[in-house]
Amino acid sequence: MQSRTKLIAVIILLGVVASFAVAAHLKRMTPTEEAYNVKVLESIHSPFYLPQYLAQNLGFFEEENLNVTISATSAEAIRASLIDGRADIVICGLQRIMFNPTEGSPQPRAFAVAAARDGSLLLARTENGAGDFQWTDIKGQTIIGSAHDDSTQIALESVLRNYELPPYRGVTIYFNIPDNLRIAAFHAGTGDYIQLLEPEASLVEAEGFGKVVAAVGPVAGDMAVTAYAAMPENIEANPELFQKFTNAIYKAQLWMSTQSAEKLAEAAAASFPKLDKTVLINSIRRYQSLGIWAANPMITRESYERFHRAAKNAGEIPLDIPFESIVLNDFNQIAMENIIEIPVIREEEQGFLQRFLGRW
C-alpha cells in the first residue's frame, strides 16, 4: 500500500513538471505574432551590461518576439547612430543622452536602466596596492581616467570632490589617453592609478601589474550613469516593441537576482567567447558584491538628479535638464506590474527532482 502511494506521488509530480515544461516550450516555439527586429548598440562590451546578455542568451528577448542584434560602437558615435537610424536602441552613459552637442537636434529619451551604480574600479600598481586604501591617499597622485565626458569619469570626479580632492588640482587625471592604450600606458609606468571597468580590471589583476583598491559606484551612490535610450518618434511609433524590450530586461534582472556568479557566468559566456571563464566569474562576483546592477529598469528621479549634479559639476552640461524631458518610465511601470516571476525551471529545481526520484 505504501509503495503504491509513493508511486502515485511520483506520477503526480512528473505530471506537474511535464506540464510546466510543455507550456514553456509552446510559449517559446509557437509563433503568435510577427517578431520585431531590434538593433542595439552598446558603447562598451562589459559585464556591466549583463542583463541584456542574459536576456539574449536565456531567450527572454525571444519570448517577447524580439530578434535582437547587439553590437558595439564608440561612445562618440552612439548619439549619431540613433539619429541616423543605425540603431533602434542604444545603451550608454546617460550624459550621451543629456548632453546635446548640436543645437536643434532631436533629444533621445532614456527608458530603462541596467545598472544602479557606476561600475568603474580604481587600481593601484601592485607594489603600491598593499594595506587599507583611503581616498585621501591619492592626493597629489595621478590617475589614468576615461574621457573627460565619460560617465565613469563624471562619477569619479564626484567622489574626488566629496573628499575635497578637486580634479586636476588635488589629483591629476589623464583623460586624453585612447581607450585601447590606457592599460598599456599603465603597464609601462604612466600614472599611479588607473580607472577600469570589468573585465579589464580582473584581467589586469590576473596579469599581476595592478590591484583593485576601490570601487567608484558605492561611494558615488546610486546614479543613473547608464541607460537604454531611443528617439522619441521611434518610441511613439513602436510602443509595443519598447514594452517588449523592457519586459525582457526586467525578466533578466529578476532571474539574475537569484543566481550565483558561476551560474551568471555560465549564462553570459556566449557573449564573451574569448574571455577566460575564471575572469568572467570574478568580474561578475565583484559586481554582485558591490550592488552594481539595478533590481529593475526604473529610472528614479533621485538617481537621475544625483548624476545630473555630478555632470553639471564636471562641466559637461551647461544648464539644468529636467527629469521629465529625458526620462520615460512608462514601460518600466507596466513591466513591474505584470511580471511577477519568471516561468523557468532552474537547474536547482531539476536537481531536486532528480534527487527526489532517486529515493524511489
Protein backbone atom coordinates (compact mmCIF):
# COMPACT_ATOMS: atom_id res chain seq x y z
CA MET A 1 0.00 0.00 0.00
CA GLN A 2 2.82 2.36 0.93
CA SER A 3 4.66 1.61 -2.32
CA ARG A 4 1.51 2.33 -4.30
CA THR A 5 1.11 5.70 -2.54
CA LYS A 6 4.70 6.61 -3.34
CA LEU A 7 4.21 5.64 -6.98
CA ILE A 8 1.12 7.84 -7.25
CA ALA A 9 3.05 10.77 -5.72
CA VAL A 10 5.84 10.36 -8.25
CA ILE A 11 3.39 10.23 -11.16
CA ILE A 12 1.66 13.40 -9.98
CA LEU A 13 4.97 15.21 -9.58
CA LEU A 14 6.12 14.16 -13.04
CA GLY A 15 2.84 15.36 -14.49
CA VAL A 16 3.20 18.78 -12.92
CA VAL A 17 6.78 19.17 -14.11
CA ALA A 18 5.87 17.98 -17.60
CA SER A 19 3.01 20.44 -17.85
CA PHE A 20 5.33 23.34 -16.96
CA ALA A 21 7.91 22.15 -19.49
CA VAL A 22 5.34 21.81 -22.27
CA ALA A 23 3.87 25.23 -21.51
CA ALA A 24 7.30 26.84 -21.60
CA HIS A 25 8.16 25.06 -24.85
CA LEU A 26 4.94 26.15 -26.52
CA LYS A 27 5.43 29.71 -25.36
CA ARG A 28 8.88 29.77 -26.92
CA MET A 29 8.14 27.86 -30.10
CA THR A 30 4.61 28.79 -31.14
CA PRO A 31 4.64 31.91 -33.34
CA THR A 32 1.74 34.06 -32.19
CA GLU A 33 2.82 37.29 -33.85
CA GLU A 34 5.44 38.69 -36.17
CA ALA A 35 8.79 39.22 -34.48
CA TYR A 36 10.39 42.64 -34.23
CA ASN A 37 13.94 43.10 -35.45
CA VAL A 38 15.82 45.32 -33.00
CA LYS A 39 19.30 46.78 -33.46
CA VAL A 40 21.00 47.60 -30.16
CA LEU A 41 24.31 49.45 -29.99
CA GLU A 42 26.40 49.49 -26.83
CA SER A 43 29.19 51.92 -26.03
CA ILE A 44 31.25 49.20 -24.31
CA HIS A 45 31.14 45.40 -24.17
CA SER A 46 31.32 44.56 -20.49
CA PRO A 47 29.61 42.52 -17.75
CA PHE A 48 28.48 45.98 -16.63
CA TYR A 49 25.64 45.45 -19.14
CA LEU A 50 24.99 41.87 -18.01
CA PRO A 51 21.15 41.97 -18.03
CA GLN A 52 20.98 42.41 -21.79
CA TYR A 53 23.31 39.46 -22.44
CA LEU A 54 21.22 37.28 -20.17
CA ALA A 55 18.04 38.44 -21.90
CA GLN A 56 19.57 37.35 -25.20
CA ASN A 57 21.22 34.10 -24.12
CA LEU A 58 18.37 32.83 -21.93
CA GLY A 59 15.70 33.51 -24.52
CA PHE A 60 13.88 36.37 -22.79
CA PHE A 61 14.06 38.51 -25.93
CA GLU A 62 12.79 35.54 -27.93
CA GLU A 63 9.87 35.06 -25.52
CA GLU A 64 8.89 38.64 -26.26
CA ASN A 65 9.09 38.00 -30.04
CA LEU A 66 12.18 40.15 -30.47
CA ASN A 67 15.09 39.39 -32.77
CA VAL A 68 17.76 41.47 -31.05
CA THR A 69 21.18 42.15 -32.53
CA ILE A 70 23.72 43.65 -30.14
CA SER A 71 26.89 45.28 -31.43
CA ALA A 72 29.41 47.78 -30.10
CA THR A 73 30.44 51.19 -31.33
CA SER A 74 32.43 54.10 -29.96
CA ALA A 75 30.87 56.26 -27.30
CA GLU A 76 31.25 59.24 -29.63
CA ALA A 77 29.12 57.55 -32.32
CA ILE A 78 26.26 56.50 -30.03
CA ARG A 79 24.06 59.57 -30.39
CA ALA A 80 24.61 59.86 -34.15
CA SER A 81 23.68 56.19 -34.59
CA LEU A 82 20.28 56.87 -33.06
CA ILE A 83 19.63 59.96 -35.11
CA ASP A 84 20.59 58.41 -38.45
CA GLY A 85 18.79 55.12 -37.79
CA ARG A 86 21.76 52.78 -37.48
CA ALA A 87 20.40 51.75 -34.08
CA ASP A 88 16.89 51.37 -32.70
CA ILE A 89 18.13 51.37 -29.10
CA VAL A 90 21.44 52.31 -27.50
CA ILE A 91 22.84 51.67 -24.06
CA CYS A 92 25.42 54.20 -22.98
CA GLY A 93 26.40 56.77 -20.40
CA LEU A 94 23.46 58.98 -19.57
CA GLN A 95 25.47 62.09 -20.39
CA ARG A 96 25.43 60.98 -24.05
CA ILE A 97 21.66 61.42 -23.89
CA MET A 98 21.57 64.52 -21.67
CA PHE A 99 24.30 66.47 -23.42
CA ASN A 100 23.14 67.84 -26.78
CA PRO A 101 26.13 69.00 -28.83
CA THR A 102 24.08 70.09 -31.84
CA GLU A 103 21.52 72.79 -31.23
CA GLY A 104 18.12 71.82 -32.58
CA SER A 105 18.89 68.11 -32.98
CA PRO A 106 16.30 65.67 -31.56
CA GLN A 107 16.55 64.73 -27.90
CA PRO A 108 16.72 60.96 -27.23
CA ARG A 109 14.69 59.60 -24.31
CA ALA A 110 16.03 57.25 -21.64
CA PHE A 111 13.53 54.48 -20.92
CA ALA A 112 15.32 51.84 -18.78
CA VAL A 113 18.48 51.13 -16.81
CA ALA A 114 20.61 48.01 -16.41
CA ALA A 115 22.92 49.31 -13.66
CA ALA A 116 22.17 51.19 -10.47
CA ARG A 117 25.72 52.41 -9.91
CA ASP A 118 28.87 53.26 -11.77
CA GLY A 119 30.87 50.10 -12.45
CA SER A 120 34.39 51.51 -12.61
CA LEU A 121 37.18 50.38 -10.30
CA LEU A 122 40.36 52.09 -9.18
CA LEU A 123 43.54 50.04 -9.49
CA ALA A 124 46.92 50.79 -7.95
CA ARG A 125 50.21 49.38 -9.05
CA THR A 126 50.76 46.01 -7.38
CA GLU A 127 53.75 47.24 -5.41
CA ASN A 128 51.66 50.15 -4.06
CA GLY A 129 48.42 48.25 -3.53
CA ALA A 130 49.04 46.73 -0.11
CA GLY A 131 47.27 47.90 3.01
CA ASP A 132 43.97 49.67 3.57
CA PHE A 133 43.19 52.18 0.84
CA GLN A 134 41.79 55.60 1.71
CA TRP A 135 40.59 58.01 -0.96
CA THR A 136 42.71 60.71 0.64
CA ASP A 137 45.76 58.60 -0.26
CA ILE A 138 45.56 59.79 -3.84
CA LYS A 139 46.09 63.47 -3.05
CA GLY A 140 48.79 64.72 -5.38
CA GLN A 141 48.76 61.42 -7.33
CA THR A 142 47.92 60.71 -10.97
CA ILE A 143 45.06 58.61 -12.38
CA ILE A 144 44.62 57.28 -15.89
CA GLY A 145 40.93 58.00 -16.30
CA SER A 146 38.38 57.76 -19.09
CA ALA A 147 37.46 60.56 -21.49
CA HIS A 148 36.51 63.71 -19.58
CA ASP A 149 32.87 63.43 -20.73
CA ASP A 150 32.52 59.71 -19.97
CA SER A 151 30.00 58.69 -17.30
CA THR A 152 32.66 56.80 -15.33
CA GLN A 153 34.85 59.90 -15.31
CA ILE A 154 31.93 62.04 -14.11
CA ALA A 155 31.27 59.58 -11.27
CA LEU A 156 34.97 59.51 -10.30
CA GLU A 157 35.18 63.30 -10.22
CA SER A 158 32.09 63.35 -8.00
CA VAL A 159 33.84 61.07 -5.49
CA LEU A 160 37.02 63.17 -5.57
CA ARG A 161 35.06 66.35 -4.88
CA ASN A 162 33.32 64.66 -1.95
CA TYR A 163 36.77 64.04 -0.45
CA GLU A 164 37.84 67.63 -1.16
CA LEU A 165 40.22 66.50 -3.88
CA PRO A 166 39.41 68.84 -6.76
CA PRO A 167 40.12 67.08 -10.08
CA TYR A 168 43.12 68.44 -11.98
CA ARG A 169 44.26 70.34 -8.85
CA GLY A 170 44.26 67.97 -5.89
CA VAL A 171 44.57 64.99 -8.25
CA THR A 172 45.89 64.82 -11.81
CA ILE A 173 43.71 62.84 -14.22
CA TYR A 174 44.92 61.75 -17.64
CA PHE A 175 41.74 61.72 -19.71
CA ASN A 176 43.25 62.01 -23.19
CA ILE A 177 44.85 58.55 -23.49
CA PRO A 178 42.91 56.48 -26.06
CA ASP A 179 40.89 53.63 -24.55
CA ASN A 180 42.87 50.96 -26.38
CA LEU A 181 46.17 52.31 -24.99
CA ARG A 182 45.24 53.05 -21.37
CA ILE A 183 46.18 49.65 -19.91
CA ALA A 184 49.42 49.52 -21.90
CA ALA A 185 50.31 53.01 -20.68
CA PHE A 186 49.70 51.98 -17.07
CA HIS A 187 51.75 48.82 -17.55
CA ALA A 188 54.58 50.92 -18.98
CA GLY A 189 54.67 53.17 -15.91
CA THR A 190 52.28 56.05 -16.62
CA GLY A 191 50.01 57.03 -13.73
CA ASP A 192 49.84 55.95 -10.11
CA TYR A 193 46.32 54.58 -10.54
CA ILE A 194 44.03 53.56 -13.39
CA GLN A 195 40.22 53.54 -13.61
CA LEU A 196 38.77 50.47 -15.37
CA LEU A 197 35.53 48.60 -15.82
CA GLU A 198 35.24 44.84 -15.71
CA PRO A 199 36.52 42.59 -17.19
CA GLU A 200 39.62 44.77 -17.79
CA ALA A 201 40.13 45.24 -14.04
CA SER A 202 40.19 41.48 -13.43
CA LEU A 203 42.43 40.94 -16.46
CA VAL A 204 44.98 43.45 -15.13
CA GLU A 205 44.90 41.76 -11.73
CA ALA A 206 45.39 38.39 -13.39
CA GLU A 207 48.43 39.78 -15.25
CA GLY A 208 49.84 40.89 -11.91
CA PHE A 209 50.66 44.55 -12.55
CA GLY A 210 47.61 46.13 -10.92
CA LYS A 211 45.38 45.65 -7.89
CA VAL A 212 41.81 46.85 -7.33
CA VAL A 213 41.84 49.10 -4.27
CA ALA A 214 38.48 50.89 -4.53
CA ALA A 215 35.15 50.94 -6.37
CA VAL A 216 33.66 54.23 -7.53
CA GLY A 217 29.99 53.19 -7.58
CA PRO A 218 29.30 52.52 -3.89
CA VAL A 219 31.00 55.79 -2.91
CA ALA A 220 29.34 57.92 -5.60
CA GLY A 221 25.95 56.46 -4.65
CA ASP A 222 23.09 55.22 -6.79
CA MET A 223 23.29 57.05 -10.11
CA ALA A 224 21.59 56.56 -13.44
CA VAL A 225 25.02 56.56 -15.06
CA THR A 226 23.93 54.39 -17.99
CA ALA A 227 20.58 53.96 -19.68
CA TYR A 228 18.77 52.50 -22.65
CA ALA A 229 17.68 55.27 -24.99
CA ALA A 230 15.80 55.74 -28.24
CA MET A 231 14.46 58.55 -30.36
CA PRO A 232 11.05 59.80 -29.22
CA GLU A 233 9.45 59.39 -32.64
CA ASN A 234 10.58 55.75 -32.73
CA ILE A 235 9.12 55.14 -29.27
CA GLU A 236 5.82 56.74 -30.24
CA ALA A 237 5.63 54.73 -33.47
CA ASN A 238 6.53 51.37 -31.84
CA PRO A 239 5.44 51.37 -28.18
CA GLU A 240 4.87 47.60 -28.22
CA LEU A 241 8.48 46.99 -29.26
CA PHE A 242 9.82 49.07 -26.37
CA GLN A 243 7.46 47.43 -23.90
CA LYS A 244 8.64 44.00 -25.00
CA PHE A 245 12.28 45.03 -24.80
CA THR A 246 11.78 46.40 -21.28
CA ASN A 247 9.92 43.23 -20.27
CA ALA A 248 12.88 41.10 -21.37
CA ILE A 249 15.40 43.24 -19.49
CA TYR A 250 13.29 43.08 -16.34
CA LYS A 251 12.99 39.29 -16.65
CA ALA A 252 16.78 39.10 -16.81
CA GLN A 253 17.10 41.35 -13.77
CA LEU A 254 14.70 39.16 -11.81
CA TRP A 255 16.46 35.97 -12.87
CA MET A 256 19.96 37.20 -12.10
CA SER A 257 18.95 38.29 -8.58
CA THR A 258 18.60 34.61 -7.61
CA GLN A 259 21.77 33.25 -9.21
CA SER A 260 25.37 32.71 -8.18
CA ALA A 261 28.28 34.29 -10.03
CA GLU A 262 29.08 30.89 -11.52
CA LYS A 263 25.55 30.47 -12.90
CA LEU A 264 25.51 34.00 -14.28
CA ALA A 265 28.88 33.49 -15.94
CA GLU A 266 27.65 30.26 -17.50
CA ALA A 267 24.62 32.06 -18.94
CA ALA A 268 26.68 35.03 -20.15
CA ALA A 269 29.60 33.04 -21.58
CA ALA A 270 28.26 33.04 -25.15
CA SER A 271 28.51 36.85 -25.16
CA PHE A 272 32.17 36.71 -24.08
CA PRO A 273 33.58 33.83 -26.16
CA LYS A 274 37.23 34.97 -25.90
CA LEU A 275 37.19 35.76 -22.19
CA ASP A 276 38.61 33.25 -19.72
CA LYS A 277 35.81 31.75 -17.64
CA THR A 278 37.58 32.48 -14.36
CA VAL A 279 37.95 36.15 -15.26
CA LEU A 280 34.27 36.36 -16.20
CA ILE A 281 33.23 34.76 -12.90
CA ASN A 282 35.50 37.12 -10.94
CA SER A 283 34.09 40.14 -12.78
CA ILE A 284 30.51 39.12 -12.10
CA ARG A 285 31.17 38.22 -8.48
CA ARG A 286 32.78 41.62 -7.87
CA TYR A 287 29.86 43.50 -9.42
CA GLN A 288 27.43 41.40 -7.40
CA SER A 289 29.22 42.24 -4.14
CA LEU A 290 29.21 45.95 -4.99
CA GLY A 291 25.49 46.08 -5.83
CA ILE A 292 26.23 47.49 -9.29
CA TRP A 293 23.23 46.11 -11.20
CA ALA A 294 19.75 47.53 -10.86
CA ALA A 295 17.00 45.36 -9.39
CA ASN A 296 14.57 46.70 -12.01
CA PRO A 297 14.69 49.00 -15.07
CA MET A 298 13.07 52.00 -13.33
CA ILE A 299 14.98 55.29 -13.62
CA THR A 300 14.34 57.06 -10.33
CA ARG A 301 14.31 60.81 -10.00
CA GLU A 302 16.87 60.63 -7.18
CA SER A 303 19.38 58.61 -9.22
CA TYR A 304 18.90 60.91 -12.22
CA GLU A 305 19.35 64.08 -10.19
CA ARG A 306 22.48 62.72 -8.47
CA PHE A 307 24.10 62.06 -11.83
CA HIS A 308 22.78 65.37 -13.20
CA ARG A 309 24.54 67.23 -10.36
CA ALA A 310 27.76 65.30 -10.95
CA ALA A 311 27.69 66.02 -14.70
CA LYS A 312 26.98 69.69 -14.11
CA ASN A 313 29.80 69.97 -11.54
CA ALA A 314 32.11 68.33 -14.08
CA GLY A 315 31.15 71.00 -16.63
CA GLU A 316 29.52 68.56 -19.04
CA ILE A 317 26.07 70.18 -19.08
CA PRO A 318 25.75 73.98 -19.02
CA LEU A 319 22.10 74.19 -17.94
CA ASP A 320 19.65 72.17 -15.88
CA ILE A 321 17.92 69.43 -17.87
CA PRO A 322 14.61 68.43 -16.25
CA PHE A 323 13.99 64.78 -15.39
CA GLU A 324 10.75 64.78 -17.40
CA SER A 325 12.49 65.92 -20.58
CA ILE A 326 14.87 62.95 -20.57
CA VAL A 327 13.28 60.04 -18.70
CA LEU A 328 10.34 57.86 -19.75
CA ASN A 329 9.33 55.30 -17.12
CA ASP A 330 6.00 54.14 -18.60
CA PHE A 331 7.34 50.82 -19.91
CA ASN A 332 9.12 50.08 -16.64
CA GLN A 333 5.95 50.60 -14.63
CA ILE A 334 3.96 48.22 -16.82
CA ALA A 335 6.71 45.57 -16.78
CA MET A 336 6.99 45.65 -13.00
CA GLU A 337 3.21 45.46 -12.54
CA ASN A 338 2.76 42.48 -14.85
CA ILE A 339 5.90 40.36 -14.48
CA ILE A 340 5.84 38.76 -11.06
CA GLU A 341 8.10 35.77 -11.56
CA ILE A 342 9.91 34.05 -14.39
CA PRO A 343 8.38 30.78 -15.65
CA VAL A 344 11.71 28.96 -15.85
CA ILE A 345 12.55 25.60 -14.28
CA ARG A 346 16.02 26.25 -12.90
CA GLU A 347 18.74 23.65 -12.71
CA GLU A 348 18.46 23.66 -8.92
CA GLU A 349 14.82 22.62 -9.23
CA GLN A 350 15.67 19.97 -11.77
CA GLY A 351 18.35 18.67 -9.39
CA PHE A 352 15.76 18.47 -6.62
CA LEU A 353 13.51 16.40 -8.88
CA GLN A 354 16.36 14.03 -9.71
CA ARG A 355 17.22 13.62 -6.03
CA PHE A 356 13.54 13.07 -5.23
CA LEU A 357 13.16 10.37 -7.87
CA GLY A 358 16.42 8.77 -6.78
CA ARG A 359 14.83 7.83 -3.50
CA TRP A 360 12.25 5.55 -5.12
